[in-house]
Every structure is written in C-alpha cells, then in structure tokens.
Amino acid sequence: MNKPDLCPACGSTNDCTLADPRTADRPCWCYSVSIDPAVLEALPAELRDQSCLCPHCARVDIQLRAKPRPIA
C-alpha cells in the first residue's frame, strides 16, 4: 500500500507538503528543483507517480541547500 508521505525508494518521510492536509495548499519542495529523469526511471514502474521521493533519494540536497526555505 502506497503512503503519500513516504519516499517510495527508501521509505523515509518525503517532506511532501501535498501529502499533509495541513500544508496541502502550499507547493511541494520538489517544484523548486530539477530531478534527473534517470532517478525517476530507476524506480520500479509500480512506484512511479505515487508519492514524492525524499530530497536525498531525488539527489537534490545541494539544490535545496542553495535555496532559501520558506518559513512554515
């Protein structure tokens, strides 16, 4: 069973604002980064487009550190 708040690659919390009803009206962190399509293609087909990867598995940690984070 897919859980939208967990990374499909590692099972950790993915920090997806859309998966949390309290923050679903805010854009997800993934909207502000470029995820290499090869990272997404490496997921098994049944896990794609089900939930966000976590920043680590999406390999965007450096991109996120370079951007100011909005105050929650």
C-alpha atoms as a PDB file:
ATOM      1  CA  MET A   1       0.000   0.000   0.000  1.00  0.00           C
ATOM      2  CA  ASN A   2       1.382   3.381  -1.009  1.00  0.00           C
ATOM      3  CA  LYS A   3       1.738   6.085   1.633  1.00  0.00           C
ATOM      4  CA  PRO A   4       1.955   9.559   0.048  1.00  0.00           C
ATOM      5  CA  ASP A   5       4.096  10.939   2.882  1.00  0.00           C
ATOM      6  CA  LEU A   6       6.842   8.326   2.462  1.00  0.00           C
ATOM      7  CA  CYS A   7       9.589   8.098  -0.143  1.00  0.00           C
ATOM      8  CA  PRO A   8       8.944   5.144  -2.475  1.00  0.00           C
ATOM      9  CA  ALA A   9      12.689   4.464  -2.746  1.00  0.00           C
ATOM     10  CA  CYS A  10      13.775   4.360   0.913  1.00  0.00           C
ATOM     11  CA  GLY A  11      10.581   4.584   2.991  1.00  0.00           C
ATOM     12  CA  SER A  12      11.654   7.734   4.857  1.00  0.00           C
ATOM     13  CA  THR A  13       9.468  10.800   5.250  1.00  0.00           C
ATOM     14  CA  ASN A  14       9.492  12.687   1.952  1.00  0.00           C
ATOM     15  CA  ASP A  15       8.556  16.142   3.332  1.00  0.00           C
ATOM     16  CA  CYS A  16       5.809  16.451   0.693  1.00  0.00           C
ATOM     17  CA  THR A  17       3.546  19.369   1.567  1.00  0.00           C
ATOM     18  CA  LEU A  18       0.811  17.966  -0.679  1.00  0.00           C
ATOM     19  CA  ALA A  19       0.659  14.750   1.365  1.00  0.00           C
ATOM     20  CA  ASP A  20      -0.075  16.654   4.587  1.00  0.00           C
ATOM     21  CA  PRO A  21      -3.611  18.094   4.818  1.00  0.00           C
ATOM     22  CA  ARG A  22      -2.273  20.952   6.974  1.00  0.00           C
ATOM     23  CA  THR A  23       0.053  22.139   4.197  1.00  0.00           C
ATOM     24  CA  ALA A  24      -1.649  20.798   1.056  1.00  0.00           C
ATOM     25  CA  ASP A  25      -2.307  24.339  -0.160  1.00  0.00           C
ATOM     26  CA  ARG A  26       1.454  25.031  -0.423  1.00  0.00           C
ATOM     27  CA  PRO A  27       3.737  23.950  -3.262  1.00  0.00           C
ATOM     28  CA  CYS A  28       5.935  20.949  -2.578  1.00  0.00           C
ATOM     29  CA  TRP A  29       9.714  21.364  -2.285  1.00  0.00           C
ATOM     30  CA  CYS A  30      10.059  19.292  -5.460  1.00  0.00           C
ATOM     31  CA  TYR A  31       8.520  22.116  -7.514  1.00  0.00           C
ATOM     32  CA  SER A  32      11.648  24.216  -6.956  1.00  0.00           C
ATOM     33  CA  VAL A  33      14.299  21.694  -8.025  1.00  0.00           C
ATOM     34  CA  SER A  34      15.320  19.735 -11.104  1.00  0.00           C
ATOM     35  CA  ILE A  35      15.171  15.975 -10.597  1.00  0.00           C
ATOM     36  CA  ASP A  36      17.178  13.931 -13.078  1.00  0.00           C
ATOM     37  CA  PRO A  37      14.706  11.811 -15.095  1.00  0.00           C
ATOM     38  CA  ALA A  38      17.066   8.836 -14.711  1.00  0.00           C
ATOM     39  CA  VAL A  39      16.436   8.906 -10.944  1.00  0.00           C
ATOM     40  CA  LEU A  40      12.701   8.566 -11.528  1.00  0.00           C
ATOM     41  CA  GLU A  41      13.157   5.914 -14.214  1.00  0.00           C
ATOM     42  CA  ALA A  42      15.232   3.843 -11.777  1.00  0.00           C
ATOM     43  CA  LEU A  43      12.130   3.316  -9.637  1.00  0.00           C
ATOM     44  CA  PRO A  44      10.052   0.227 -10.370  1.00  0.00           C
ATOM     45  CA  ALA A  45       7.122   1.201 -12.623  1.00  0.00           C
ATOM     46  CA  GLU A  46       4.532   0.444  -9.914  1.00  0.00           C
ATOM     47  CA  LEU A  47       6.148   3.002  -7.577  1.00  0.00           C
ATOM     48  CA  ARG A  48       6.345   5.885 -10.052  1.00  0.00           C
ATOM     49  CA  ASP A  49       3.879   8.771  -9.818  1.00  0.00           C
ATOM     50  CA  GLN A  50       2.565   7.535  -6.471  1.00  0.00           C
ATOM     51  CA  SER A  51       4.419   9.766  -3.995  1.00  0.00           C
ATOM     52  CA  CYS A  52       7.386  12.130  -3.827  1.00  0.00           C
ATOM     53  CA  LEU A  53      10.894  10.908  -3.380  1.00  0.00           C
ATOM     54  CA  CYS A  54      12.696  12.329  -0.360  1.00  0.00           C
ATOM     55  CA  PRO A  55      15.293  15.020  -1.167  1.00  0.00           C
ATOM     56  CA  HIS A  56      18.139  12.545  -0.592  1.00  0.00           C
ATOM     57  CA  CYS A  57      16.798   9.891  -2.978  1.00  0.00           C
ATOM     58  CA  ALA A  58      15.871  12.572  -5.514  1.00  0.00           C
ATOM     59  CA  ARG A  59      19.525  13.668  -5.295  1.00  0.00           C
ATOM     60  CA  VAL A  60      18.606  17.333  -4.846  1.00  0.00           C
ATOM     61  CA  ASP A  61      20.041  18.031  -1.382  1.00  0.00           C
ATOM     62  CA  ILE A  62      22.542  20.521  -2.808  1.00  0.00           C
ATOM     63  CA  GLN A  63      19.849  22.337  -4.794  1.00  0.00           C
ATOM     64  CA  LEU A  64      17.670  22.693  -1.697  1.00  0.00           C
ATOM     65  CA  ARG A  65      20.511  23.953   0.468  1.00  0.00           C
ATOM     66  CA  ALA A  66      21.241  26.661  -2.108  1.00  0.00           C
ATOM     67  CA  LYS A  67      17.654  27.997  -1.973  1.00  0.00           C
ATOM     68  CA  PRO A  68      16.112  29.878   0.932  1.00  0.00           C
ATOM     69  CA  ARG A  69      13.371  27.790   2.556  1.00  0.00           C
ATOM     70  CA  PRO A  70      10.019  29.428   3.251  1.00  0.00           C
ATOM     71  CA  ILE A  71       9.033  29.841   6.879  1.00  0.00           C
ATOM     72  CA  ALA A  72       6.410  27.252   7.792  1.00  0.00           C
END
